[in-house]
Amino acid sequence: MKRSTNPKVKARCRRKSRIRKKIYGTAQRPRLSVFRSNRHIFAQIIDDEKGVTLVATSSFSKELRDKKVEGGKKGMAHQVGALIAEKAKAKGIDSVVFDRGGYLFHGRVKALADAAREKGLVF
């Protein structure tokens, strides 16, 4: 990961490394990783044993790029969560380990997680 001089980014990276010591995705329960920038939100389901991304989507993926969403960035995060859950179900993935990436479980991260749960992903 790129080193930053921003103290907020440094703190998030420290939190992320603490979380990643405990969370590990397997073939049975892959890891649902979340990254958010100021403008977009990204989600991917990763098998850490093989080091492979199984499913990925973001707020500027083809399915969501031109879609008008109410609720701003939080509404878009909800759409990304629903889309990642649908793609996971299509690949036969029902349960995952949630990796919040050092972010607080609040706002956009929570909206993504709630939408994924609503669509049937278990974590």
N, C-alpha and C. Protein backbone atom coordinates (compact mmCIF):
# COMPACT_ATOMS: atom_id res chain seq x y z
N MET A 1 0.84 -1.17 0.00
CA MET A 1 0.00 0.00 0.00
C MET A 1 0.89 1.23 0.00
N LYS A 2 0.45 2.24 -0.72
CA LYS A 2 1.21 3.48 -0.83
C LYS A 2 1.29 4.17 0.52
N ARG A 3 2.47 4.62 0.86
CA ARG A 3 2.64 5.32 2.13
C ARG A 3 2.18 6.76 1.99
N SER A 4 1.50 7.23 3.00
CA SER A 4 0.94 8.57 2.98
C SER A 4 1.46 9.37 4.16
N THR A 5 1.47 10.67 4.00
CA THR A 5 1.85 11.54 5.12
C THR A 5 0.62 12.06 5.85
N ASN A 6 -0.56 11.81 5.28
CA ASN A 6 -1.81 12.25 5.90
C ASN A 6 -2.07 11.42 7.15
N PRO A 7 -2.23 12.05 8.32
CA PRO A 7 -2.42 11.27 9.56
C PRO A 7 -3.69 10.43 9.57
N LYS A 8 -4.75 10.89 8.89
CA LYS A 8 -5.98 10.10 8.85
C LYS A 8 -5.77 8.82 8.04
N VAL A 9 -5.04 8.93 6.94
CA VAL A 9 -4.76 7.75 6.10
C VAL A 9 -3.85 6.79 6.85
N LYS A 10 -2.85 7.33 7.56
CA LYS A 10 -1.96 6.48 8.35
C LYS A 10 -2.74 5.70 9.41
N ALA A 11 -3.65 6.39 10.09
CA ALA A 11 -4.45 5.74 11.13
C ALA A 11 -5.32 4.65 10.53
N ARG A 12 -5.92 4.90 9.37
CA ARG A 12 -6.76 3.89 8.72
C ARG A 12 -5.92 2.69 8.32
N CYS A 13 -4.71 2.91 7.84
CA CYS A 13 -3.83 1.81 7.45
C CYS A 13 -3.44 0.96 8.66
N ARG A 14 -3.21 1.61 9.80
CA ARG A 14 -2.91 0.86 11.03
C ARG A 14 -4.11 0.01 11.45
N ARG A 15 -5.31 0.62 11.41
CA ARG A 15 -6.52 -0.13 11.75
C ARG A 15 -6.72 -1.30 10.78
N LYS A 16 -6.48 -1.04 9.50
CA LYS A 16 -6.66 -2.08 8.48
C LYS A 16 -5.72 -3.26 8.74
N SER A 17 -4.46 -2.98 9.08
CA SER A 17 -3.52 -4.07 9.33
C SER A 17 -3.91 -4.87 10.57
N ARG A 18 -4.46 -4.19 11.59
CA ARG A 18 -4.93 -4.91 12.79
C ARG A 18 -6.09 -5.82 12.44
N ILE A 19 -7.01 -5.32 11.61
CA ILE A 19 -8.18 -6.11 11.22
C ILE A 19 -7.75 -7.30 10.38
N ARG A 20 -6.82 -7.08 9.43
CA ARG A 20 -6.42 -8.13 8.50
C ARG A 20 -5.64 -9.26 9.17
N LYS A 21 -5.12 -9.02 10.39
CA LYS A 21 -4.48 -10.11 11.13
C LYS A 21 -5.50 -11.16 11.52
N LYS A 22 -6.75 -10.72 11.77
CA LYS A 22 -7.79 -11.61 12.26
C LYS A 22 -8.69 -12.15 11.15
N ILE A 23 -8.89 -11.37 10.09
CA ILE A 23 -9.83 -11.74 9.03
C ILE A 23 -9.08 -12.37 7.87
N TYR A 24 -9.56 -13.54 7.44
CA TYR A 24 -8.91 -14.27 6.36
C TYR A 24 -9.99 -14.97 5.54
N GLY A 25 -9.98 -14.77 4.24
CA GLY A 25 -10.98 -15.37 3.37
C GLY A 25 -10.55 -16.74 2.87
N THR A 26 -11.44 -17.72 2.95
CA THR A 26 -11.16 -19.06 2.46
C THR A 26 -12.06 -19.34 1.26
N ALA A 27 -11.94 -20.53 0.70
CA ALA A 27 -12.80 -20.89 -0.42
C ALA A 27 -14.26 -21.03 0.03
N GLN A 28 -14.47 -21.51 1.27
CA GLN A 28 -15.82 -21.67 1.79
C GLN A 28 -16.42 -20.31 2.18
N ARG A 29 -15.62 -19.44 2.81
CA ARG A 29 -16.07 -18.11 3.22
C ARG A 29 -15.05 -17.07 2.78
N PRO A 30 -15.18 -16.59 1.55
CA PRO A 30 -14.24 -15.57 1.08
C PRO A 30 -14.47 -14.24 1.78
N ARG A 31 -13.53 -13.33 1.59
CA ARG A 31 -13.55 -12.03 2.26
C ARG A 31 -14.20 -10.98 1.37
N LEU A 32 -15.17 -10.26 1.92
CA LEU A 32 -15.80 -9.13 1.23
C LEU A 32 -15.08 -7.87 1.69
N SER A 33 -14.23 -7.34 0.82
CA SER A 33 -13.41 -6.19 1.14
C SER A 33 -14.04 -4.91 0.60
N VAL A 34 -14.01 -3.85 1.40
CA VAL A 34 -14.61 -2.57 1.02
C VAL A 34 -13.53 -1.50 1.01
N PHE A 35 -13.53 -0.68 -0.04
CA PHE A 35 -12.67 0.51 -0.09
C PHE A 35 -13.55 1.67 -0.52
N ARG A 36 -13.38 2.79 0.13
CA ARG A 36 -14.15 3.96 -0.28
C ARG A 36 -13.21 5.13 -0.48
N SER A 37 -13.42 5.84 -1.56
CA SER A 37 -12.70 7.08 -1.81
C SER A 37 -13.69 8.21 -1.54
N ASN A 38 -13.28 9.43 -1.81
CA ASN A 38 -14.19 10.55 -1.59
C ASN A 38 -15.40 10.48 -2.50
N ARG A 39 -15.22 9.94 -3.70
CA ARG A 39 -16.28 9.97 -4.70
C ARG A 39 -16.93 8.60 -4.94
N HIS A 40 -16.18 7.51 -4.81
CA HIS A 40 -16.67 6.19 -5.18
C HIS A 40 -16.52 5.21 -4.03
N ILE A 41 -17.17 4.04 -4.20
CA ILE A 41 -17.03 2.94 -3.25
C ILE A 41 -16.81 1.66 -4.05
N PHE A 42 -15.92 0.82 -3.56
CA PHE A 42 -15.52 -0.40 -4.24
C PHE A 42 -15.75 -1.58 -3.31
N ALA A 43 -16.16 -2.72 -3.87
CA ALA A 43 -16.33 -3.94 -3.09
C ALA A 43 -15.82 -5.10 -3.92
N GLN A 44 -15.09 -5.99 -3.27
CA GLN A 44 -14.64 -7.20 -3.96
C GLN A 44 -14.65 -8.38 -3.00
N ILE A 45 -14.92 -9.54 -3.56
CA ILE A 45 -14.92 -10.77 -2.78
C ILE A 45 -13.66 -11.53 -3.16
N ILE A 46 -12.83 -11.84 -2.14
CA ILE A 46 -11.48 -12.35 -2.36
C ILE A 46 -11.30 -13.69 -1.66
N ASP A 47 -10.69 -14.64 -2.36
CA ASP A 47 -10.24 -15.90 -1.76
C ASP A 47 -8.76 -15.71 -1.43
N ASP A 48 -8.44 -15.53 -0.14
CA ASP A 48 -7.06 -15.25 0.28
C ASP A 48 -6.15 -16.47 0.16
N GLU A 49 -6.70 -17.67 0.19
CA GLU A 49 -5.86 -18.86 0.05
C GLU A 49 -5.22 -18.92 -1.33
N LYS A 50 -6.00 -18.61 -2.35
CA LYS A 50 -5.49 -18.61 -3.72
C LYS A 50 -4.97 -17.24 -4.14
N GLY A 51 -5.37 -16.20 -3.41
CA GLY A 51 -4.99 -14.84 -3.78
C GLY A 51 -5.71 -14.36 -5.02
N VAL A 52 -7.00 -14.69 -5.12
CA VAL A 52 -7.78 -14.41 -6.32
C VAL A 52 -9.02 -13.61 -5.94
N THR A 53 -9.34 -12.60 -6.76
CA THR A 53 -10.59 -11.88 -6.62
C THR A 53 -11.66 -12.65 -7.37
N LEU A 54 -12.71 -13.06 -6.68
CA LEU A 54 -13.77 -13.85 -7.27
C LEU A 54 -14.83 -12.98 -7.92
N VAL A 55 -15.22 -11.90 -7.24
CA VAL A 55 -16.26 -10.99 -7.72
C VAL A 55 -15.85 -9.58 -7.31
N ALA A 56 -16.07 -8.62 -8.20
CA ALA A 56 -15.78 -7.22 -7.87
C ALA A 56 -16.79 -6.30 -8.52
N THR A 57 -17.06 -5.20 -7.85
CA THR A 57 -17.92 -4.16 -8.42
C THR A 57 -17.61 -2.84 -7.73
N SER A 58 -18.06 -1.76 -8.33
CA SER A 58 -17.83 -0.44 -7.75
C SER A 58 -18.93 0.50 -8.19
N SER A 59 -18.88 1.71 -7.69
CA SER A 59 -19.91 2.69 -8.01
C SER A 59 -19.79 3.20 -9.44
N PHE A 60 -18.68 2.94 -10.12
CA PHE A 60 -18.61 3.31 -11.53
C PHE A 60 -18.48 2.10 -12.44
N SER A 61 -19.01 0.96 -11.98
CA SER A 61 -19.06 -0.21 -12.85
C SER A 61 -20.12 0.02 -13.94
N LYS A 62 -20.09 -0.79 -14.99
CA LYS A 62 -20.99 -0.60 -16.14
C LYS A 62 -22.46 -0.61 -15.72
N GLU A 63 -22.80 -1.47 -14.76
CA GLU A 63 -24.19 -1.61 -14.34
C GLU A 63 -24.71 -0.37 -13.61
N LEU A 64 -23.83 0.34 -12.92
CA LEU A 64 -24.27 1.45 -12.07
C LEU A 64 -23.83 2.83 -12.57
N ARG A 65 -22.96 2.88 -13.55
CA ARG A 65 -22.36 4.15 -13.98
C ARG A 65 -23.40 5.21 -14.35
N ASP A 66 -24.37 4.85 -15.18
CA ASP A 66 -25.34 5.82 -15.67
C ASP A 66 -26.66 5.80 -14.89
N LYS A 67 -26.70 4.99 -13.83
CA LYS A 67 -27.93 4.86 -13.06
C LYS A 67 -28.10 6.07 -12.14
N LYS A 68 -29.29 6.65 -12.14
CA LYS A 68 -29.59 7.76 -11.25
C LYS A 68 -30.04 7.19 -9.91
N VAL A 69 -29.33 7.52 -8.85
CA VAL A 69 -29.59 6.95 -7.54
C VAL A 69 -29.97 8.05 -6.56
N GLU A 70 -31.02 7.83 -5.80
CA GLU A 70 -31.39 8.78 -4.76
C GLU A 70 -30.59 8.47 -3.50
N GLY A 71 -30.28 9.50 -2.76
CA GLY A 71 -29.55 9.29 -1.51
C GLY A 71 -28.07 9.57 -1.63
N GLY A 72 -27.62 10.06 -2.76
CA GLY A 72 -26.22 10.44 -2.93
C GLY A 72 -25.27 9.26 -2.82
N LYS A 73 -24.14 9.50 -2.13
CA LYS A 73 -23.10 8.47 -2.03
C LYS A 73 -23.56 7.27 -1.20
N LYS A 74 -24.39 7.53 -0.21
CA LYS A 74 -24.91 6.44 0.63
C LYS A 74 -25.87 5.56 -0.18
N GLY A 75 -26.69 6.18 -1.01
CA GLY A 75 -27.58 5.43 -1.89
C GLY A 75 -26.82 4.60 -2.90
N MET A 76 -25.72 5.17 -3.41
CA MET A 76 -24.89 4.43 -4.37
C MET A 76 -24.22 3.24 -3.67
N ALA A 77 -23.78 3.44 -2.42
CA ALA A 77 -23.18 2.33 -1.67
C ALA A 77 -24.19 1.21 -1.49
N HIS A 78 -25.44 1.56 -1.26
CA HIS A 78 -26.51 0.55 -1.13
C HIS A 78 -26.64 -0.23 -2.43
N GLN A 79 -26.59 0.45 -3.57
CA GLN A 79 -26.68 -0.21 -4.87
C GLN A 79 -25.49 -1.14 -5.11
N VAL A 80 -24.29 -0.70 -4.72
CA VAL A 80 -23.09 -1.52 -4.88
C VAL A 80 -23.20 -2.78 -4.02
N GLY A 81 -23.71 -2.65 -2.79
CA GLY A 81 -23.89 -3.81 -1.92
C GLY A 81 -24.86 -4.82 -2.50
N ALA A 82 -25.95 -4.32 -3.06
CA ALA A 82 -26.94 -5.21 -3.67
C ALA A 82 -26.34 -5.91 -4.89
N LEU A 83 -25.59 -5.17 -5.70
CA LEU A 83 -24.99 -5.74 -6.91
C LEU A 83 -23.94 -6.79 -6.58
N ILE A 84 -23.09 -6.53 -5.58
CA ILE A 84 -22.06 -7.50 -5.22
C ILE A 84 -22.70 -8.77 -4.68
N ALA A 85 -23.81 -8.64 -3.96
CA ALA A 85 -24.50 -9.83 -3.44
C ALA A 85 -25.10 -10.64 -4.58
N GLU A 86 -25.69 -9.97 -5.56
CA GLU A 86 -26.26 -10.68 -6.71
C GLU A 86 -25.19 -11.41 -7.50
N LYS A 87 -24.05 -10.75 -7.72
CA LYS A 87 -22.95 -11.38 -8.45
C LYS A 87 -22.38 -12.57 -7.66
N ALA A 88 -22.31 -12.43 -6.33
CA ALA A 88 -21.81 -13.52 -5.49
C ALA A 88 -22.74 -14.71 -5.55
N LYS A 89 -24.05 -14.45 -5.48
CA LYS A 89 -25.03 -15.54 -5.55
C LYS A 89 -24.93 -16.26 -6.89
N ALA A 90 -24.69 -15.52 -7.97
CA ALA A 90 -24.55 -16.12 -9.30
C ALA A 90 -23.32 -17.02 -9.36
N LYS A 91 -22.28 -16.70 -8.58
CA LYS A 91 -21.06 -17.53 -8.54
C LYS A 91 -21.15 -18.65 -7.51
N GLY A 92 -22.27 -18.70 -6.75
CA GLY A 92 -22.45 -19.76 -5.76
C GLY A 92 -21.87 -19.43 -4.40
N ILE A 93 -21.66 -18.17 -4.10
CA ILE A 93 -21.13 -17.74 -2.81
C ILE A 93 -22.29 -17.24 -1.96
N ASP A 94 -22.53 -17.90 -0.79
CA ASP A 94 -23.63 -17.46 0.08
C ASP A 94 -23.13 -16.78 1.34
N SER A 95 -21.94 -17.14 1.84
CA SER A 95 -21.48 -16.52 3.08
C SER A 95 -20.06 -15.98 2.88
N VAL A 96 -19.81 -14.84 3.51
CA VAL A 96 -18.52 -14.17 3.39
C VAL A 96 -18.07 -13.67 4.76
N VAL A 97 -16.81 -13.26 4.83
CA VAL A 97 -16.27 -12.59 6.00
C VAL A 97 -16.16 -11.13 5.61
N PHE A 98 -16.73 -10.22 6.41
CA PHE A 98 -16.77 -8.80 6.05
C PHE A 98 -15.50 -8.10 6.52
N ASP A 99 -14.81 -7.44 5.59
CA ASP A 99 -13.60 -6.68 5.88
C ASP A 99 -13.90 -5.21 5.60
N ARG A 100 -14.05 -4.43 6.67
CA ARG A 100 -14.44 -3.02 6.50
C ARG A 100 -13.26 -2.14 6.11
N GLY A 101 -12.07 -2.70 6.01
CA GLY A 101 -10.91 -1.98 5.49
C GLY A 101 -10.42 -0.84 6.36
N GLY A 102 -10.66 -0.90 7.66
CA GLY A 102 -10.18 0.15 8.54
C GLY A 102 -11.16 1.30 8.70
N TYR A 103 -12.27 1.28 7.97
CA TYR A 103 -13.27 2.33 8.08
C TYR A 103 -14.24 1.98 9.21
N LEU A 104 -14.87 3.00 9.79
CA LEU A 104 -15.90 2.76 10.78
C LEU A 104 -17.09 2.07 10.11
N PHE A 105 -17.75 1.18 10.84
CA PHE A 105 -18.94 0.52 10.31
C PHE A 105 -20.10 1.49 10.48
N HIS A 106 -20.16 2.46 9.58
CA HIS A 106 -21.12 3.54 9.68
C HIS A 106 -21.23 4.19 8.31
N GLY A 107 -22.36 4.76 8.00
CA GLY A 107 -22.51 5.50 6.75
C GLY A 107 -22.49 4.61 5.52
N ARG A 108 -21.58 4.92 4.60
CA ARG A 108 -21.53 4.20 3.32
C ARG A 108 -21.14 2.74 3.48
N VAL A 109 -20.22 2.46 4.41
CA VAL A 109 -19.79 1.07 4.62
C VAL A 109 -20.95 0.25 5.17
N LYS A 110 -21.69 0.81 6.10
CA LYS A 110 -22.85 0.13 6.68
C LYS A 110 -23.95 -0.05 5.64
N ALA A 111 -24.17 0.96 4.79
CA ALA A 111 -25.19 0.86 3.75
C ALA A 111 -24.86 -0.28 2.78
N LEU A 112 -23.59 -0.40 2.41
CA LEU A 112 -23.16 -1.49 1.52
C LEU A 112 -23.41 -2.84 2.19
N ALA A 113 -23.02 -2.97 3.46
CA ALA A 113 -23.18 -4.23 4.18
C ALA A 113 -24.65 -4.60 4.35
N ASP A 114 -25.47 -3.63 4.69
CA ASP A 114 -26.91 -3.89 4.88
C ASP A 114 -27.56 -4.34 3.58
N ALA A 115 -27.19 -3.71 2.47
CA ALA A 115 -27.77 -4.10 1.18
C ALA A 115 -27.35 -5.51 0.78
N ALA A 116 -26.09 -5.85 1.07
CA ALA A 116 -25.61 -7.21 0.76
C ALA A 116 -26.35 -8.24 1.60
N ARG A 117 -26.59 -7.90 2.86
CA ARG A 117 -27.35 -8.82 3.73
C ARG A 117 -28.80 -8.97 3.25
N GLU A 118 -29.41 -7.86 2.83
CA GLU A 118 -30.78 -7.91 2.35
C GLU A 118 -30.92 -8.83 1.14
N LYS A 119 -29.90 -8.85 0.29
CA LYS A 119 -29.92 -9.69 -0.92
C LYS A 119 -29.52 -11.13 -0.64
N GLY A 120 -29.23 -11.47 0.63
CA GLY A 120 -29.03 -12.87 0.98
C GLY A 120 -27.62 -13.29 1.30
N LEU A 121 -26.66 -12.37 1.30
CA LEU A 121 -25.29 -12.72 1.68
C LEU A 121 -25.23 -12.84 3.20
N VAL A 122 -24.57 -13.86 3.70
CA VAL A 122 -24.49 -14.09 5.15
C VAL A 122 -23.10 -13.73 5.64
N PHE A 123 -23.05 -12.85 6.65
CA PHE A 123 -21.79 -12.52 7.34
C PHE A 123 -22.07 -11.95 8.70
